[in-house]
Amino acid sequence: MEIPQELKTHLQIERDQWDVPHLVCIKCRKRFFSVRDATLHLYHIHDVKAAQKFTS
């Protein structure tokens, strides 16, 4: 799982106790399994315009 360069200031990768990677929103600490879900969250909840091109 890789974070797009434009979104590295908004997302980070963390592993849970079973070593499963998750994308985590830095602003609200919400966890996601996919880049698409994380970018939809950033665009609609935190109004991050750079995330719009990754939502499709």
PDB file of N, CA and C in Angstrom:
ATOM      1  N   MET A   1       0.854  -1.168   0.000  1.00  0.00           N
ATOM      2  CA  MET A   1       0.000   0.000   0.000  1.00  0.00           C
ATOM      3  C   MET A   1       0.898   1.229   0.000  1.00  0.00           C
ATOM      4  N   GLU A   2       0.602   2.125  -0.930  1.00  0.00           N
ATOM      5  CA  GLU A   2       1.416   3.327  -1.045  1.00  0.00           C
ATOM      6  C   GLU A   2       0.531   4.566  -1.064  1.00  0.00           C
ATOM      7  N   ILE A   3       0.962   5.585  -0.375  1.00  0.00           N
ATOM      8  CA  ILE A   3       0.230   6.847  -0.301  1.00  0.00           C
ATOM      9  C   ILE A   3       0.692   7.729  -1.461  1.00  0.00           C
ATOM     10  N   PRO A   4      -0.250   8.298  -2.227  1.00  0.00           N
ATOM     11  CA  PRO A   4       0.147   9.242  -3.281  1.00  0.00           C
ATOM     12  C   PRO A   4       0.919  10.427  -2.688  1.00  0.00           C
ATOM     13  N   GLN A   5       1.905  10.890  -3.401  1.00  0.00           N
ATOM     14  CA  GLN A   5       2.787  11.957  -2.922  1.00  0.00           C
ATOM     15  C   GLN A   5       2.010  13.195  -2.473  1.00  0.00           C
ATOM     16  N   GLU A   6       0.948  13.553  -3.202  1.00  0.00           N
ATOM     17  CA  GLU A   6       0.174  14.752  -2.879  1.00  0.00           C
ATOM     18  C   GLU A   6      -0.561  14.644  -1.552  1.00  0.00           C
ATOM     19  N   LEU A   7      -0.740  13.418  -1.043  1.00  0.00           N
ATOM     20  CA  LEU A   7      -1.534  13.210   0.172  1.00  0.00           C
ATOM     21  C   LEU A   7      -0.702  12.772   1.374  1.00  0.00           C
ATOM     22  N   LYS A   8       0.598  12.756   1.238  1.00  0.00           N
ATOM     23  CA  LYS A   8       1.444  12.305   2.347  1.00  0.00           C
ATOM     24  C   LYS A   8       1.382  13.207   3.570  1.00  0.00           C
ATOM     25  N   THR A   9       0.956  14.441   3.407  1.00  0.00           N
ATOM     26  CA  THR A   9       0.823  15.333   4.563  1.00  0.00           C
ATOM     27  C   THR A   9      -0.495  15.118   5.290  1.00  0.00           C
ATOM     28  N   HIS A  10      -1.385  14.308   4.702  1.00  0.00           N
ATOM     29  CA  HIS A  10      -2.708  14.071   5.289  1.00  0.00           C
ATOM     30  C   HIS A  10      -2.910  12.631   5.755  1.00  0.00           C
ATOM     31  N   LEU A  11      -2.116  11.704   5.226  1.00  0.00           N
ATOM     32  CA  LEU A  11      -2.284  10.281   5.539  1.00  0.00           C
ATOM     33  C   LEU A  11      -0.962   9.671   5.985  1.00  0.00           C
ATOM     34  N   GLN A  12      -1.070   8.624   6.776  1.00  0.00           N
ATOM     35  CA  GLN A  12       0.109   7.842   7.131  1.00  0.00           C
ATOM     36  C   GLN A  12      -0.297   6.375   7.201  1.00  0.00           C
ATOM     37  N   ILE A  13       0.683   5.491   7.152  1.00  0.00           N
ATOM     38  CA  ILE A  13       0.415   4.061   7.233  1.00  0.00           C
ATOM     39  C   ILE A  13       0.776   3.580   8.632  1.00  0.00           C
ATOM     40  N   GLU A  14      -0.150   2.873   9.248  1.00  0.00           N
ATOM     41  CA  GLU A  14       0.086   2.261  10.563  1.00  0.00           C
ATOM     42  C   GLU A  14      -0.319   0.800  10.490  1.00  0.00           C
ATOM     43  N   ARG A  15       0.299  -0.013  11.305  1.00  0.00           N
ATOM     44  CA  ARG A  15      -0.026  -1.438  11.364  1.00  0.00           C
ATOM     45  C   ARG A  15      -0.723  -1.732  12.686  1.00  0.00           C
ATOM     46  N   ASP A  16      -1.743  -2.594  12.620  1.00  0.00           N
ATOM     47  CA  ASP A  16      -2.456  -2.950  13.850  1.00  0.00           C
ATOM     48  C   ASP A  16      -1.750  -4.115  14.548  1.00  0.00           C
ATOM     49  N   GLN A  17      -2.372  -4.662  15.590  1.00  0.00           N
ATOM     50  CA  GLN A  17      -1.721  -5.700  16.382  1.00  0.00           C
ATOM     51  C   GLN A  17      -1.513  -6.995  15.599  1.00  0.00           C
ATOM     52  N   TRP A  18      -2.229  -7.174  14.478  1.00  0.00           N
ATOM     53  CA  TRP A  18      -2.056  -8.353  13.633  1.00  0.00           C
ATOM     54  C   TRP A  18      -1.167  -8.064  12.437  1.00  0.00           C
ATOM     55  N   ASP A  19      -0.487  -6.928  12.456  1.00  0.00           N
ATOM     56  CA  ASP A  19       0.444  -6.492  11.420  1.00  0.00           C
ATOM     57  C   ASP A  19      -0.250  -6.194  10.086  1.00  0.00           C
ATOM     58  N   VAL A  20      -1.512  -5.788  10.148  1.00  0.00           N
ATOM     59  CA  VAL A  20      -2.262  -5.410   8.951  1.00  0.00           C
ATOM     60  C   VAL A  20      -2.107  -3.908   8.747  1.00  0.00           C
ATOM     61  N   PRO A  21      -1.658  -3.484   7.554  1.00  0.00           N
ATOM     62  CA  PRO A  21      -1.485  -2.044   7.326  1.00  0.00           C
ATOM     63  C   PRO A  21      -2.810  -1.333   7.084  1.00  0.00           C
ATOM     64  N   HIS A  22      -2.926  -0.131   7.626  1.00  0.00           N
ATOM     65  CA  HIS A  22      -4.084   0.734   7.442  1.00  0.00           C
ATOM     66  C   HIS A  22      -3.584   2.119   7.073  1.00  0.00           C
ATOM     67  N   LEU A  23      -4.364   2.815   6.271  1.00  0.00           N
ATOM     68  CA  LEU A  23      -4.127   4.232   6.050  1.00  0.00           C
ATOM     69  C   LEU A  23      -4.845   4.975   7.160  1.00  0.00           C
ATOM     70  N   VAL A  24      -4.190   5.964   7.748  1.00  0.00           N
ATOM     71  CA  VAL A  24      -4.770   6.712   8.856  1.00  0.00           C
ATOM     72  C   VAL A  24      -4.758   8.195   8.516  1.00  0.00           C
ATOM     73  N   CYS A  25      -5.919   8.826   8.692  1.00  0.00           N
ATOM     74  CA  CYS A  25      -6.032  10.268   8.512  1.00  0.00           C
ATOM     75  C   CYS A  25      -5.311  10.946   9.684  1.00  0.00           C
ATOM     76  N   ILE A  26      -4.388  11.812   9.389  1.00  0.00           N
ATOM     77  CA  ILE A  26      -3.612  12.480  10.434  1.00  0.00           C
ATOM     78  C   ILE A  26      -4.487  13.447  11.236  1.00  0.00           C
ATOM     79  N   LYS A  27      -5.486  14.064  10.592  1.00  0.00           N
ATOM     80  CA  LYS A  27      -6.328  15.044  11.277  1.00  0.00           C
ATOM     81  C   LYS A  27      -7.262  14.421  12.308  1.00  0.00           C
ATOM     82  N   CYS A  28      -7.915  13.303  11.957  1.00  0.00           N
ATOM     83  CA  CYS A  28      -8.932  12.749  12.861  1.00  0.00           C
ATOM     84  C   CYS A  28      -8.652  11.309  13.297  1.00  0.00           C
ATOM     85  N   ARG A  29      -7.570  10.721  12.814  1.00  0.00           N
ATOM     86  CA  ARG A  29      -7.122   9.375  13.205  1.00  0.00           C
ATOM     87  C   ARG A  29      -8.061   8.256  12.727  1.00  0.00           C
ATOM     88  N   LYS A  30      -8.933   8.524  11.759  1.00  0.00           N
ATOM     89  CA  LYS A  30      -9.799   7.491  11.203  1.00  0.00           C
ATOM     90  C   LYS A  30      -8.958   6.567  10.322  1.00  0.00           C
ATOM     91  N   ARG A  31      -9.268   5.251  10.353  1.00  0.00           N
ATOM     92  CA  ARG A  31      -8.491   4.257   9.617  1.00  0.00           C
ATOM     93  C   ARG A  31      -9.224   3.785   8.371  1.00  0.00           C
ATOM     94  N   PHE A  32      -8.436   3.462   7.331  1.00  0.00           N
ATOM     95  CA  PHE A  32      -8.982   3.000   6.055  1.00  0.00           C
ATOM     96  C   PHE A  32      -8.151   1.838   5.530  1.00  0.00           C
ATOM     97  N   PHE A  33      -8.825   0.966   4.768  1.00  0.00           N
ATOM     98  CA  PHE A  33      -8.147  -0.166   4.155  1.00  0.00           C
ATOM     99  C   PHE A  33      -7.686   0.130   2.736  1.00  0.00           C
ATOM    100  N   SER A  34      -8.289   1.130   2.087  1.00  0.00           N
ATOM    101  CA  SER A  34      -7.922   1.419   0.698  1.00  0.00           C
ATOM    102  C   SER A  34      -7.624   2.905   0.509  1.00  0.00           C
ATOM    103  N   VAL A  35      -6.815   3.184  -0.496  1.00  0.00           N
ATOM    104  CA  VAL A  35      -6.474   4.563  -0.831  1.00  0.00           C
ATOM    105  C   VAL A  35      -7.727   5.299  -1.287  1.00  0.00           C
ATOM    106  N   ARG A  36      -8.594   4.639  -2.032  1.00  0.00           N
ATOM    107  CA  ARG A  36      -9.827   5.270  -2.514  1.00  0.00           C
ATOM    108  C   ARG A  36     -10.704   5.727  -1.345  1.00  0.00           C
ATOM    109  N   ASP A  37     -10.901   4.862  -0.363  1.00  0.00           N
ATOM    110  CA  ASP A  37     -11.714   5.238   0.791  1.00  0.00           C
ATOM    111  C   ASP A  37     -11.095   6.411   1.549  1.00  0.00           C
ATOM    112  N   ALA A  38      -9.791   6.378   1.703  1.00  0.00           N
ATOM    113  CA  ALA A  38      -9.099   7.457   2.419  1.00  0.00           C
ATOM    114  C   ALA A  38      -9.197   8.774   1.655  1.00  0.00           C
ATOM    115  N   THR A  39      -9.065   8.732   0.329  1.00  0.00           N
ATOM    116  CA  THR A  39      -9.151   9.976  -0.442  1.00  0.00           C
ATOM    117  C   THR A  39     -10.572  10.519  -0.469  1.00  0.00           C
ATOM    118  N   LEU A  40     -11.572   9.645  -0.508  1.00  0.00           N
ATOM    119  CA  LEU A  40     -12.959  10.108  -0.416  1.00  0.00           C
ATOM    120  C   LEU A  40     -13.195  10.817   0.919  1.00  0.00           C
ATOM    121  N   HIS A  41     -12.675  10.262   1.984  1.00  0.00           N
ATOM    122  CA  HIS A  41     -12.782  10.872   3.310  1.00  0.00           C
ATOM    123  C   HIS A  41     -12.106  12.247   3.318  1.00  0.00           C
ATOM    124  N   LEU A  42     -10.884  12.319   2.810  1.00  0.00           N
ATOM    125  CA  LEU A  42     -10.163  13.596   2.805  1.00  0.00           C
ATOM    126  C   LEU A  42     -10.897  14.652   1.994  1.00  0.00           C
ATOM    127  N   TYR A  43     -11.437  14.251   0.858  1.00  0.00           N
ATOM    128  CA  TYR A  43     -12.111  15.211  -0.014  1.00  0.00           C
ATOM    129  C   TYR A  43     -13.435  15.689   0.581  1.00  0.00           C
ATOM    130  N   HIS A  44     -14.253  14.774   1.060  1.00  0.00           N
ATOM    131  CA  HIS A  44     -15.589  15.144   1.528  1.00  0.00           C
ATOM    132  C   HIS A  44     -15.638  15.647   2.976  1.00  0.00           C
ATOM    133  N   ILE A  45     -14.796  15.132   3.838  1.00  0.00           N
ATOM    134  CA  ILE A  45     -14.836  15.523   5.251  1.00  0.00           C
ATOM    135  C   ILE A  45     -13.893  16.691   5.550  1.00  0.00           C
ATOM    136  N   HIS A  46     -12.667  16.613   5.057  1.00  0.00           N
ATOM    137  CA  HIS A  46     -11.672  17.639   5.386  1.00  0.00           C
ATOM    138  C   HIS A  46     -11.431  18.634   4.248  1.00  0.00           C
ATOM    139  N   ASP A  47     -12.171  18.493   3.134  1.00  0.00           N
ATOM    140  CA  ASP A  47     -12.111  19.423   2.011  1.00  0.00           C
ATOM    141  C   ASP A  47     -10.696  19.581   1.442  1.00  0.00           C
ATOM    142  N   VAL A  48      -9.997  18.446   1.309  1.00  0.00           N
ATOM    143  CA  VAL A  48      -8.655  18.440   0.720  1.00  0.00           C
ATOM    144  C   VAL A  48      -8.827  18.325  -0.790  1.00  0.00           C
ATOM    145  N   LYS A  49      -8.621  19.412  -1.498  1.00  0.00           N
ATOM    146  CA  LYS A  49      -8.857  19.455  -2.947  1.00  0.00           C
ATOM    147  C   LYS A  49      -7.917  18.512  -3.710  1.00  0.00           C
ATOM    148  N   ALA A  50      -6.715  18.293  -3.242  1.00  0.00           N
ATOM    149  CA  ALA A  50      -5.766  17.413  -3.924  1.00  0.00           C
ATOM    150  C   ALA A  50      -6.250  15.956  -3.974  1.00  0.00           C
ATOM    151  N   ALA A  51      -7.150  15.588  -3.083  1.00  0.00           N
ATOM    152  CA  ALA A  51      -7.650  14.216  -3.035  1.00  0.00           C
ATOM    153  C   ALA A  51      -8.680  13.932  -4.118  1.00  0.00           C
ATOM    154  N   GLN A  52      -9.241  14.958  -4.731  1.00  0.00           N
ATOM    155  CA  GLN A  52     -10.315  14.771  -5.704  1.00  0.00           C
ATOM    156  C   GLN A  52      -9.889  13.896  -6.883  1.00  0.00           C
ATOM    157  N   LYS A  53      -8.677  14.033  -7.364  1.00  0.00           N
ATOM    158  CA  LYS A  53      -8.271  13.269  -8.542  1.00  0.00           C
ATOM    159  C   LYS A  53      -8.048  11.775  -8.223  1.00  0.00           C
ATOM    160  N   PHE A  54      -8.014  11.395  -6.971  1.00  0.00           N
ATOM    161  CA  PHE A  54      -7.834   9.987  -6.593  1.00  0.00           C
ATOM    162  C   PHE A  54      -9.149   9.320  -6.200  1.00  0.00           C
ATOM    163  N   THR A  55     -10.266  10.034  -6.258  1.00  0.00           N
ATOM    164  CA  THR A  55     -11.530   9.483  -5.804  1.00  0.00           C
ATOM    165  C   THR A  55     -12.252   8.640  -6.855  1.00  0.00           C
ATOM    166  N   SER A  56     -11.862   8.723  -8.093  1.00  0.00           N
ATOM    167  CA  SER A  56     -12.563   7.965  -9.138  1.00  0.00           C
ATOM    168  C   SER A  56     -12.007   6.562  -9.322  1.00  0.00           C
TER     169      SER A  56
END
